[in-house]
Amino acid sequence: MIKICGLALNSSACAVILKGIKSSDELRGGLEIISVVMIASVGVASLSAIIVSVSRLAEEYELGEYISALLRAVGLGYAAEITSDICLSFGQAQLAGAVLFAGKLSIAMTALPLAENLLASVAEIL
């Protein structure tokens, strides 16, 4: 987390410095995208340990289908959030909102089979 904080602070400082230069808008945008990609890659690398632990639990308790859907939903949420933030950085608020809406729909579609299984299980019990 310290690396991420350092990268974010350095990128922010560079963006503030570049803001004083009139012709640096494209450069600031590029700096921001590169910073986001670097921070996301550090975050994804740290997720590997979590995925290994969750996969072990899924095998142990036979929850593979549920864990798979959960990880897919989390991934969709992060992808939508990061993409939306990038769109907002470029002043595209409507596009950012559309990305978030599509991400939420994708997560709902991922969760739908799980909800169907849950309701079927409840119906069996009753």
N, C-alpha and C. Protein backbone atom coordinates (compact mmCIF):
# COMPACT_ATOMS: atom_id res chain seq x y z
N MET A 1 0.82 -1.19 0.00
CA MET A 1 0.00 0.00 0.00
C MET A 1 0.86 1.26 0.00
N ILE A 2 2.03 1.17 0.62
CA ILE A 2 2.94 2.32 0.65
C ILE A 2 3.37 2.69 -0.77
N LYS A 3 3.65 1.67 -1.59
CA LYS A 3 4.04 1.93 -2.98
C LYS A 3 2.93 2.66 -3.73
N ILE A 4 1.71 2.20 -3.53
CA ILE A 4 0.58 2.81 -4.21
C ILE A 4 0.41 4.27 -3.77
N CYS A 5 0.51 4.52 -2.48
CA CYS A 5 0.39 5.88 -1.97
C CYS A 5 1.49 6.77 -2.52
N GLY A 6 2.71 6.27 -2.55
CA GLY A 6 3.83 7.04 -3.09
C GLY A 6 3.63 7.36 -4.56
N LEU A 7 3.20 6.37 -5.33
CA LEU A 7 2.96 6.59 -6.75
C LEU A 7 1.85 7.62 -6.96
N ALA A 8 0.78 7.51 -6.19
CA ALA A 8 -0.34 8.45 -6.33
C ALA A 8 0.08 9.87 -5.96
N LEU A 9 0.86 10.01 -4.89
CA LEU A 9 1.32 11.34 -4.49
C LEU A 9 2.27 11.95 -5.52
N ASN A 10 3.19 11.13 -6.03
CA ASN A 10 4.11 11.62 -7.06
C ASN A 10 3.37 12.02 -8.32
N SER A 11 2.42 11.21 -8.74
CA SER A 11 1.65 11.52 -9.94
C SER A 11 0.83 12.79 -9.75
N SER A 12 0.26 12.94 -8.55
CA SER A 12 -0.51 14.15 -8.27
C SER A 12 0.37 15.39 -8.29
N ALA A 13 1.56 15.28 -7.71
CA ALA A 13 2.49 16.41 -7.71
C ALA A 13 2.89 16.77 -9.14
N CYS A 14 3.17 15.78 -9.96
CA CYS A 14 3.53 16.04 -11.36
C CYS A 14 2.36 16.69 -12.10
N ALA A 15 1.14 16.23 -11.82
CA ALA A 15 -0.03 16.80 -12.48
C ALA A 15 -0.22 18.26 -12.09
N VAL A 16 0.03 18.58 -10.83
CA VAL A 16 -0.10 19.97 -10.38
C VAL A 16 0.95 20.83 -11.06
N ILE A 17 2.16 20.33 -11.17
CA ILE A 17 3.22 21.07 -11.85
C ILE A 17 2.87 21.28 -13.32
N LEU A 18 2.38 20.22 -13.95
CA LEU A 18 2.03 20.31 -15.37
C LEU A 18 0.81 21.21 -15.60
N LYS A 19 -0.03 21.35 -14.59
CA LYS A 19 -1.22 22.18 -14.73
C LYS A 19 -0.85 23.63 -15.01
N GLY A 20 0.31 24.05 -14.53
CA GLY A 20 0.78 25.41 -14.76
C GLY A 20 1.23 25.66 -16.18
N ILE A 21 1.47 24.60 -16.93
CA ILE A 21 1.91 24.73 -18.32
C ILE A 21 0.68 24.60 -19.21
N LYS A 22 0.42 25.59 -20.04
CA LYS A 22 -0.82 25.63 -20.82
C LYS A 22 -0.95 24.46 -21.79
N SER A 23 0.12 24.06 -22.42
CA SER A 23 0.03 23.04 -23.47
C SER A 23 0.22 21.62 -22.94
N SER A 24 0.01 21.41 -21.66
CA SER A 24 0.31 20.10 -21.09
C SER A 24 -0.92 19.26 -20.78
N ASP A 25 -2.09 19.63 -21.30
CA ASP A 25 -3.31 18.87 -20.99
C ASP A 25 -3.21 17.41 -21.41
N GLU A 26 -2.69 17.18 -22.62
CA GLU A 26 -2.56 15.80 -23.10
C GLU A 26 -1.54 15.03 -22.27
N LEU A 27 -0.48 15.71 -21.90
CA LEU A 27 0.55 15.07 -21.09
C LEU A 27 0.01 14.70 -19.71
N ARG A 28 -0.78 15.59 -19.11
CA ARG A 28 -1.39 15.29 -17.81
C ARG A 28 -2.33 14.10 -17.91
N GLY A 29 -3.12 14.05 -18.99
CA GLY A 29 -4.03 12.93 -19.19
C GLY A 29 -3.28 11.62 -19.33
N GLY A 30 -2.20 11.66 -20.09
CA GLY A 30 -1.38 10.47 -20.24
C GLY A 30 -0.74 10.04 -18.93
N LEU A 31 -0.26 11.01 -18.17
CA LEU A 31 0.32 10.72 -16.85
C LEU A 31 -0.72 10.05 -15.95
N GLU A 32 -1.93 10.56 -15.99
CA GLU A 32 -2.98 10.00 -15.15
C GLU A 32 -3.31 8.57 -15.55
N ILE A 33 -3.43 8.32 -16.84
CA ILE A 33 -3.74 6.96 -17.29
C ILE A 33 -2.63 6.00 -16.92
N ILE A 34 -1.39 6.40 -17.14
CA ILE A 34 -0.26 5.54 -16.79
C ILE A 34 -0.24 5.27 -15.29
N SER A 35 -0.52 6.28 -14.50
CA SER A 35 -0.53 6.11 -13.04
C SER A 35 -1.63 5.14 -12.61
N VAL A 36 -2.80 5.29 -13.20
CA VAL A 36 -3.91 4.39 -12.86
C VAL A 36 -3.58 2.96 -13.24
N VAL A 37 -3.00 2.77 -14.41
CA VAL A 37 -2.64 1.41 -14.85
C VAL A 37 -1.59 0.82 -13.91
N MET A 38 -0.60 1.62 -13.52
CA MET A 38 0.44 1.11 -12.62
C MET A 38 -0.13 0.76 -11.25
N ILE A 39 -1.00 1.61 -10.72
CA ILE A 39 -1.61 1.32 -9.42
C ILE A 39 -2.50 0.09 -9.51
N ALA A 40 -3.25 -0.01 -10.58
CA ALA A 40 -4.12 -1.19 -10.76
C ALA A 40 -3.30 -2.47 -10.87
N SER A 41 -2.15 -2.40 -11.55
CA SER A 41 -1.33 -3.60 -11.69
C SER A 41 -0.74 -4.03 -10.35
N VAL A 42 -0.38 -3.07 -9.51
CA VAL A 42 0.11 -3.41 -8.16
C VAL A 42 -1.02 -4.06 -7.36
N GLY A 43 -2.23 -3.51 -7.49
CA GLY A 43 -3.38 -4.07 -6.79
C GLY A 43 -3.71 -5.47 -7.27
N VAL A 44 -3.65 -5.68 -8.57
CA VAL A 44 -3.94 -7.01 -9.13
C VAL A 44 -2.90 -8.01 -8.67
N ALA A 45 -1.66 -7.59 -8.60
CA ALA A 45 -0.61 -8.50 -8.15
C ALA A 45 -0.85 -8.94 -6.70
N SER A 46 -1.35 -8.04 -5.89
CA SER A 46 -1.61 -8.41 -4.48
C SER A 46 -2.86 -9.26 -4.34
N LEU A 47 -3.70 -9.25 -5.35
CA LEU A 47 -4.91 -10.07 -5.30
C LEU A 47 -4.63 -11.56 -5.45
N SER A 48 -3.48 -11.91 -5.98
CA SER A 48 -3.19 -13.33 -6.22
C SER A 48 -3.24 -14.14 -4.94
N ALA A 49 -2.74 -13.61 -3.85
CA ALA A 49 -2.78 -14.33 -2.57
C ALA A 49 -4.22 -14.51 -2.10
N ILE A 50 -5.04 -13.50 -2.31
CA ILE A 50 -6.44 -13.61 -1.92
C ILE A 50 -7.15 -14.66 -2.76
N ILE A 51 -6.88 -14.66 -4.05
CA ILE A 51 -7.53 -15.62 -4.94
C ILE A 51 -7.13 -17.04 -4.58
N VAL A 52 -5.87 -17.26 -4.23
CA VAL A 52 -5.42 -18.59 -3.82
C VAL A 52 -6.16 -19.04 -2.57
N SER A 53 -6.30 -18.16 -1.59
CA SER A 53 -7.00 -18.50 -0.35
C SER A 53 -8.47 -18.78 -0.61
N VAL A 54 -9.10 -17.96 -1.41
CA VAL A 54 -10.52 -18.14 -1.71
C VAL A 54 -10.72 -19.43 -2.51
N SER A 55 -9.82 -19.72 -3.42
CA SER A 55 -9.93 -20.97 -4.21
C SER A 55 -9.79 -22.19 -3.31
N ARG A 56 -8.90 -22.12 -2.34
CA ARG A 56 -8.75 -23.23 -1.40
C ARG A 56 -10.03 -23.44 -0.60
N LEU A 57 -10.61 -22.36 -0.14
CA LEU A 57 -11.87 -22.46 0.60
C LEU A 57 -13.00 -22.98 -0.28
N ALA A 58 -13.01 -22.57 -1.54
CA ALA A 58 -14.04 -23.04 -2.46
C ALA A 58 -13.96 -24.54 -2.67
N GLU A 59 -12.73 -25.04 -2.80
CA GLU A 59 -12.56 -26.49 -2.97
C GLU A 59 -12.93 -27.24 -1.69
N GLU A 60 -12.54 -26.69 -0.56
CA GLU A 60 -12.78 -27.35 0.72
C GLU A 60 -14.27 -27.46 1.02
N TYR A 61 -15.04 -26.41 0.71
CA TYR A 61 -16.46 -26.39 1.04
C TYR A 61 -17.36 -26.55 -0.18
N GLU A 62 -16.79 -26.92 -1.32
CA GLU A 62 -17.52 -27.16 -2.57
C GLU A 62 -18.37 -25.96 -2.96
N LEU A 63 -17.75 -24.81 -3.00
CA LEU A 63 -18.43 -23.56 -3.35
C LEU A 63 -17.88 -22.96 -4.64
N GLY A 64 -17.34 -23.78 -5.51
CA GLY A 64 -16.66 -23.30 -6.71
C GLY A 64 -17.50 -22.37 -7.56
N GLU A 65 -18.75 -22.74 -7.80
CA GLU A 65 -19.63 -21.92 -8.65
C GLU A 65 -19.88 -20.56 -8.02
N TYR A 66 -20.09 -20.54 -6.72
CA TYR A 66 -20.39 -19.29 -6.03
C TYR A 66 -19.17 -18.38 -5.95
N ILE A 67 -18.03 -18.97 -5.65
CA ILE A 67 -16.80 -18.17 -5.56
C ILE A 67 -16.43 -17.62 -6.93
N SER A 68 -16.61 -18.42 -7.96
CA SER A 68 -16.32 -17.97 -9.31
C SER A 68 -17.17 -16.76 -9.68
N ALA A 69 -18.46 -16.83 -9.36
CA ALA A 69 -19.36 -15.71 -9.66
C ALA A 69 -18.99 -14.49 -8.81
N LEU A 70 -18.61 -14.72 -7.57
CA LEU A 70 -18.21 -13.61 -6.70
C LEU A 70 -16.98 -12.90 -7.25
N LEU A 71 -15.97 -13.67 -7.62
CA LEU A 71 -14.74 -13.07 -8.17
C LEU A 71 -15.02 -12.35 -9.48
N ARG A 72 -15.88 -12.92 -10.30
CA ARG A 72 -16.24 -12.28 -11.56
C ARG A 72 -16.94 -10.94 -11.29
N ALA A 73 -17.85 -10.93 -10.33
CA ALA A 73 -18.58 -9.70 -10.00
C ALA A 73 -17.63 -8.63 -9.45
N VAL A 74 -16.70 -9.03 -8.60
CA VAL A 74 -15.73 -8.08 -8.05
C VAL A 74 -14.87 -7.52 -9.18
N GLY A 75 -14.43 -8.37 -10.07
CA GLY A 75 -13.63 -7.91 -11.22
C GLY A 75 -14.39 -6.94 -12.10
N LEU A 76 -15.66 -7.25 -12.36
CA LEU A 76 -16.48 -6.35 -13.17
C LEU A 76 -16.65 -5.00 -12.47
N GLY A 77 -16.84 -5.04 -11.18
CA GLY A 77 -17.00 -3.79 -10.42
C GLY A 77 -15.76 -2.93 -10.48
N TYR A 78 -14.60 -3.55 -10.28
CA TYR A 78 -13.35 -2.79 -10.34
C TYR A 78 -13.11 -2.24 -11.74
N ALA A 79 -13.35 -3.04 -12.76
CA ALA A 79 -13.13 -2.58 -14.13
C ALA A 79 -14.04 -1.39 -14.45
N ALA A 80 -15.29 -1.48 -14.05
CA ALA A 80 -16.23 -0.38 -14.30
C ALA A 80 -15.82 0.87 -13.54
N GLU A 81 -15.41 0.71 -12.30
CA GLU A 81 -15.03 1.87 -11.47
C GLU A 81 -13.78 2.56 -12.02
N ILE A 82 -12.77 1.79 -12.38
CA ILE A 82 -11.54 2.38 -12.91
C ILE A 82 -11.82 3.07 -14.24
N THR A 83 -12.58 2.42 -15.11
CA THR A 83 -12.90 3.02 -16.40
C THR A 83 -13.72 4.30 -16.21
N SER A 84 -14.66 4.27 -15.30
CA SER A 84 -15.48 5.44 -15.02
C SER A 84 -14.62 6.59 -14.50
N ASP A 85 -13.69 6.29 -13.61
CA ASP A 85 -12.80 7.32 -13.08
C ASP A 85 -11.94 7.95 -14.18
N ILE A 86 -11.48 7.14 -15.10
CA ILE A 86 -10.68 7.67 -16.21
C ILE A 86 -11.55 8.58 -17.08
N CYS A 87 -12.78 8.15 -17.35
CA CYS A 87 -13.69 8.99 -18.13
C CYS A 87 -13.96 10.32 -17.43
N LEU A 88 -14.14 10.27 -16.11
CA LEU A 88 -14.36 11.51 -15.35
C LEU A 88 -13.14 12.42 -15.41
N SER A 89 -11.95 11.82 -15.41
CA SER A 89 -10.73 12.62 -15.48
C SER A 89 -10.64 13.40 -16.79
N PHE A 90 -11.24 12.84 -17.82
CA PHE A 90 -11.24 13.52 -19.11
C PHE A 90 -12.48 14.38 -19.31
N GLY A 91 -13.25 14.55 -18.23
CA GLY A 91 -14.41 15.43 -18.30
C GLY A 91 -15.63 14.81 -18.95
N GLN A 92 -15.67 13.50 -19.04
CA GLN A 92 -16.77 12.80 -19.69
C GLN A 92 -17.70 12.18 -18.64
N ALA A 93 -18.41 13.02 -17.92
CA ALA A 93 -19.25 12.55 -16.81
C ALA A 93 -20.38 11.64 -17.29
N GLN A 94 -20.99 11.96 -18.42
CA GLN A 94 -22.09 11.13 -18.92
C GLN A 94 -21.58 9.75 -19.33
N LEU A 95 -20.43 9.72 -19.97
CA LEU A 95 -19.85 8.44 -20.35
C LEU A 95 -19.47 7.63 -19.12
N ALA A 96 -18.94 8.30 -18.10
CA ALA A 96 -18.58 7.62 -16.85
C ALA A 96 -19.82 7.00 -16.20
N GLY A 97 -20.91 7.74 -16.19
CA GLY A 97 -22.15 7.22 -15.64
C GLY A 97 -22.66 6.01 -16.41
N ALA A 98 -22.54 6.07 -17.73
CA ALA A 98 -22.98 4.94 -18.55
C ALA A 98 -22.13 3.70 -18.29
N VAL A 99 -20.84 3.90 -18.09
CA VAL A 99 -19.95 2.77 -17.79
C VAL A 99 -20.34 2.14 -16.46
N LEU A 100 -20.60 2.96 -15.45
CA LEU A 100 -21.01 2.44 -14.14
C LEU A 100 -22.33 1.69 -14.24
N PHE A 101 -23.27 2.23 -15.00
CA PHE A 101 -24.56 1.57 -15.17
C PHE A 101 -24.39 0.22 -15.85
N ALA A 102 -23.59 0.18 -16.91
CA ALA A 102 -23.34 -1.09 -17.60
C ALA A 102 -22.63 -2.08 -16.68
N GLY A 103 -21.72 -1.58 -15.85
CA GLY A 103 -21.04 -2.45 -14.90
C GLY A 103 -22.01 -3.05 -13.89
N LYS A 104 -22.94 -2.24 -13.41
CA LYS A 104 -23.94 -2.74 -12.46
C LYS A 104 -24.84 -3.78 -13.10
N LEU A 105 -25.22 -3.55 -14.35
CA LEU A 105 -26.03 -4.54 -15.05
C LEU A 105 -25.26 -5.85 -15.24
N SER A 106 -23.98 -5.74 -15.56
CA SER A 106 -23.16 -6.94 -15.74
C SER A 106 -23.04 -7.72 -14.44
N ILE A 107 -22.89 -7.02 -13.33
CA ILE A 107 -22.82 -7.68 -12.03
C ILE A 107 -24.15 -8.36 -11.72
N ALA A 108 -25.25 -7.69 -12.01
CA ALA A 108 -26.57 -8.29 -11.78
C ALA A 108 -26.75 -9.55 -12.63
N MET A 109 -26.28 -9.51 -13.86
CA MET A 109 -26.39 -10.69 -14.73
C MET A 109 -25.51 -11.83 -14.20
N THR A 110 -24.39 -11.49 -13.61
CA THR A 110 -23.50 -12.50 -13.02
C THR A 110 -24.16 -13.14 -11.80
N ALA A 111 -24.89 -12.34 -11.03
CA ALA A 111 -25.51 -12.82 -9.80
C ALA A 111 -26.82 -13.55 -10.05
N LEU A 112 -27.43 -13.36 -11.21
CA LEU A 112 -28.74 -13.96 -11.47
C LEU A 112 -28.77 -15.48 -11.33
N PRO A 113 -27.81 -16.22 -11.89
CA PRO A 113 -27.84 -17.68 -11.70
C PRO A 113 -27.71 -18.09 -10.23
N LEU A 114 -26.95 -17.33 -9.46
CA LEU A 114 -26.82 -17.62 -8.03
C LEU A 114 -28.15 -17.41 -7.31
N ALA A 115 -28.84 -16.35 -7.67
CA ALA A 115 -30.14 -16.09 -7.06
C ALA A 115 -31.13 -17.19 -7.42
N GLU A 116 -31.09 -17.66 -8.66
CA GLU A 116 -31.96 -18.75 -9.08
C GLU A 116 -31.68 -20.02 -8.28
N ASN A 117 -30.41 -20.33 -8.07
CA ASN A 117 -30.03 -21.51 -7.28
C ASN A 117 -30.48 -21.37 -5.83
N LEU A 118 -30.32 -20.18 -5.29
CA LEU A 118 -30.74 -19.93 -3.91
C LEU A 118 -32.25 -20.11 -3.76
N LEU A 119 -33.01 -19.55 -4.68
CA LEU A 119 -34.47 -19.68 -4.62
C LEU A 119 -34.90 -21.13 -4.81
N ALA A 120 -34.22 -21.87 -5.68
CA ALA A 120 -34.54 -23.28 -5.86
C ALA A 120 -34.26 -24.06 -4.58
N SER A 121 -33.17 -23.74 -3.90
CA SER A 121 -32.85 -24.41 -2.65
C SER A 121 -33.89 -24.11 -1.56
N VAL A 122 -34.31 -22.86 -1.50
CA VAL A 122 -35.34 -22.49 -0.53
C VAL A 122 -36.65 -23.20 -0.84
N ALA A 123 -37.00 -23.29 -2.12
CA ALA A 123 -38.23 -23.98 -2.51
C ALA A 123 -38.18 -25.45 -2.14
N GLU A 124 -37.01 -26.07 -2.26
CA GLU A 124 -36.86 -27.49 -1.86
C GLU A 124 -37.07 -27.67 -0.38
N ILE A 125 -36.54 -26.74 0.41
CA ILE A 125 -36.66 -26.84 1.87
C ILE A 125 -38.11 -26.67 2.29
N LEU A 126 -38.81 -25.76 1.65
CA LEU A 126 -40.21 -25.52 2.00
C LEU A 126 -41.05 -26.63 1.43
